[in-house]
Protein backbone atom coordinates (compact mmCIF):
# COMPACT_ATOMS: atom_id res chain seq x y z
CA MET A 1 105.41 116.09 96.12
CA GLY A 2 107.61 114.69 93.39
CA TYR A 3 110.18 117.51 93.42
CA GLN A 4 113.36 116.55 91.60
CA SER A 5 116.23 119.03 92.06
CA ALA A 6 118.41 117.90 89.13
CA HIS A 7 115.78 118.08 86.38
CA GLY A 8 112.82 119.82 87.99
CA THR A 9 109.43 118.46 88.95
CA PRO A 10 107.71 116.49 86.19
CA TRP A 11 104.34 117.90 85.19
CA ASN A 12 101.13 115.94 85.55
CA PRO A 13 100.33 114.96 81.94
CA TRP A 14 96.62 115.63 82.47
CA ASP A 15 97.20 119.36 83.05
CA LEU A 16 100.32 120.65 81.30
CA GLN A 17 98.91 124.17 81.05
CA ASN A 18 98.85 124.76 84.82
CA HIS A 19 101.90 122.55 85.59
CA ARG A 20 100.15 120.57 88.30
CA THR A 21 102.21 118.20 90.41
CA PRO A 22 101.98 114.47 89.67
CA GLY A 23 102.29 113.32 93.28
CA GLY A 24 105.05 111.73 95.38
CA SER A 25 108.54 110.38 94.91
CA SER A 26 107.62 107.89 92.17
CA SER A 27 105.99 110.66 90.14
CA GLY A 28 108.41 110.24 87.23
CA SER A 29 107.23 106.65 86.79
CA ALA A 30 103.58 107.73 86.99
CA VAL A 31 104.08 110.51 84.43
CA ALA A 32 105.86 108.14 82.04
CA VAL A 33 102.94 105.67 82.19
CA ALA A 34 100.15 108.28 82.09
CA SER A 35 101.69 110.10 79.13
CA GLY A 36 102.12 106.88 77.14
CA MET A 37 105.93 106.94 77.15
CA VAL A 38 105.95 103.43 78.68
CA SER A 39 103.27 100.79 79.26
CA CYS A 40 104.34 100.06 82.84
CA ALA A 41 106.89 101.19 85.40
CA VAL A 42 108.13 100.35 88.89
CA GLY A 43 108.05 102.70 91.84
CA THR A 44 108.91 102.39 95.50
CA ASP A 45 106.30 102.81 98.22
CA THR A 46 106.77 103.32 101.93
CA GLY A 47 103.95 105.72 102.73
CA GLY A 48 102.12 106.20 99.44
CA SER A 49 104.81 106.94 96.87
CA VAL A 50 103.36 104.53 94.28
CA ARG A 51 99.69 104.91 95.15
CA GLY A 52 99.65 108.73 95.36
CA PRO A 53 101.23 109.52 91.99
CA ALA A 54 99.18 106.76 90.36
CA ALA A 55 95.96 108.29 91.68
CA TRP A 56 96.97 111.86 90.78
CA CYS A 57 97.91 110.78 87.23
CA GLY A 58 94.86 108.54 86.67
CA ILE A 59 96.69 105.22 86.43
CA THR A 60 96.93 102.06 88.54
CA GLY A 61 99.55 101.63 91.24
CA LEU A 62 99.98 98.83 93.78
CA LYS A 63 101.80 98.74 97.10
CA THR A 64 102.90 95.14 97.25
CA THR A 65 103.26 93.05 100.39
CA GLU A 66 106.66 93.54 102.01
CA GLY A 67 109.06 90.85 100.80
CA GLN A 68 107.05 89.86 97.69
CA ILE A 69 109.35 91.75 95.31
CA PRO A 70 113.08 91.93 96.09
CA THR A 71 114.23 95.41 97.11
CA ASP A 72 117.91 94.79 96.39
CA GLY A 73 119.45 98.04 95.16
CA ILE A 74 116.68 100.22 96.60
CA MET A 75 117.80 102.82 99.15
CA PRO A 76 115.80 101.88 102.26
CA LEU A 77 113.68 104.38 104.13
CA SER A 78 112.05 101.71 106.31
CA HIS A 79 113.15 98.08 106.26
CA THR A 80 109.67 96.95 107.31
CA LEU A 81 107.53 99.21 105.08
CA ASP A 82 109.52 99.69 101.84
CA THR A 83 108.18 97.83 98.83
CA ALA A 84 108.60 97.99 95.07
CA GLY A 85 105.31 98.21 93.21
CA PRO A 86 104.04 98.23 89.64
CA MET A 87 102.35 101.15 87.89
CA ALA A 88 100.35 100.77 84.68
CA ARG A 89 97.39 102.26 82.83
CA SER A 90 95.09 99.48 84.12
CA VAL A 91 95.11 96.54 86.52
CA ALA A 92 95.26 94.13 83.56
CA ASP A 93 98.45 95.82 82.36
CA THR A 94 100.20 95.05 85.67
CA LEU A 95 99.79 91.29 85.28
């Protein structure tokens, strides 16, 4: 759930005392948005990797329709399910 071997798992910014996990593989993006480091970020979603961390960190994340956003340069897990999706503090911030 967001484990990163090189730098360790990022902590959910809503509970730094207990070091709770921020969710799936796009958790770094979710933590950056939720903590105010950035206003928006991009994650990749095949089975919930944008939506899960967004929900766990209290922000907005969207799994886009396949093919709507180019996935050039993204390591594919599933050519039919992989999408890039925005994460932001609110829906309005993703527009």
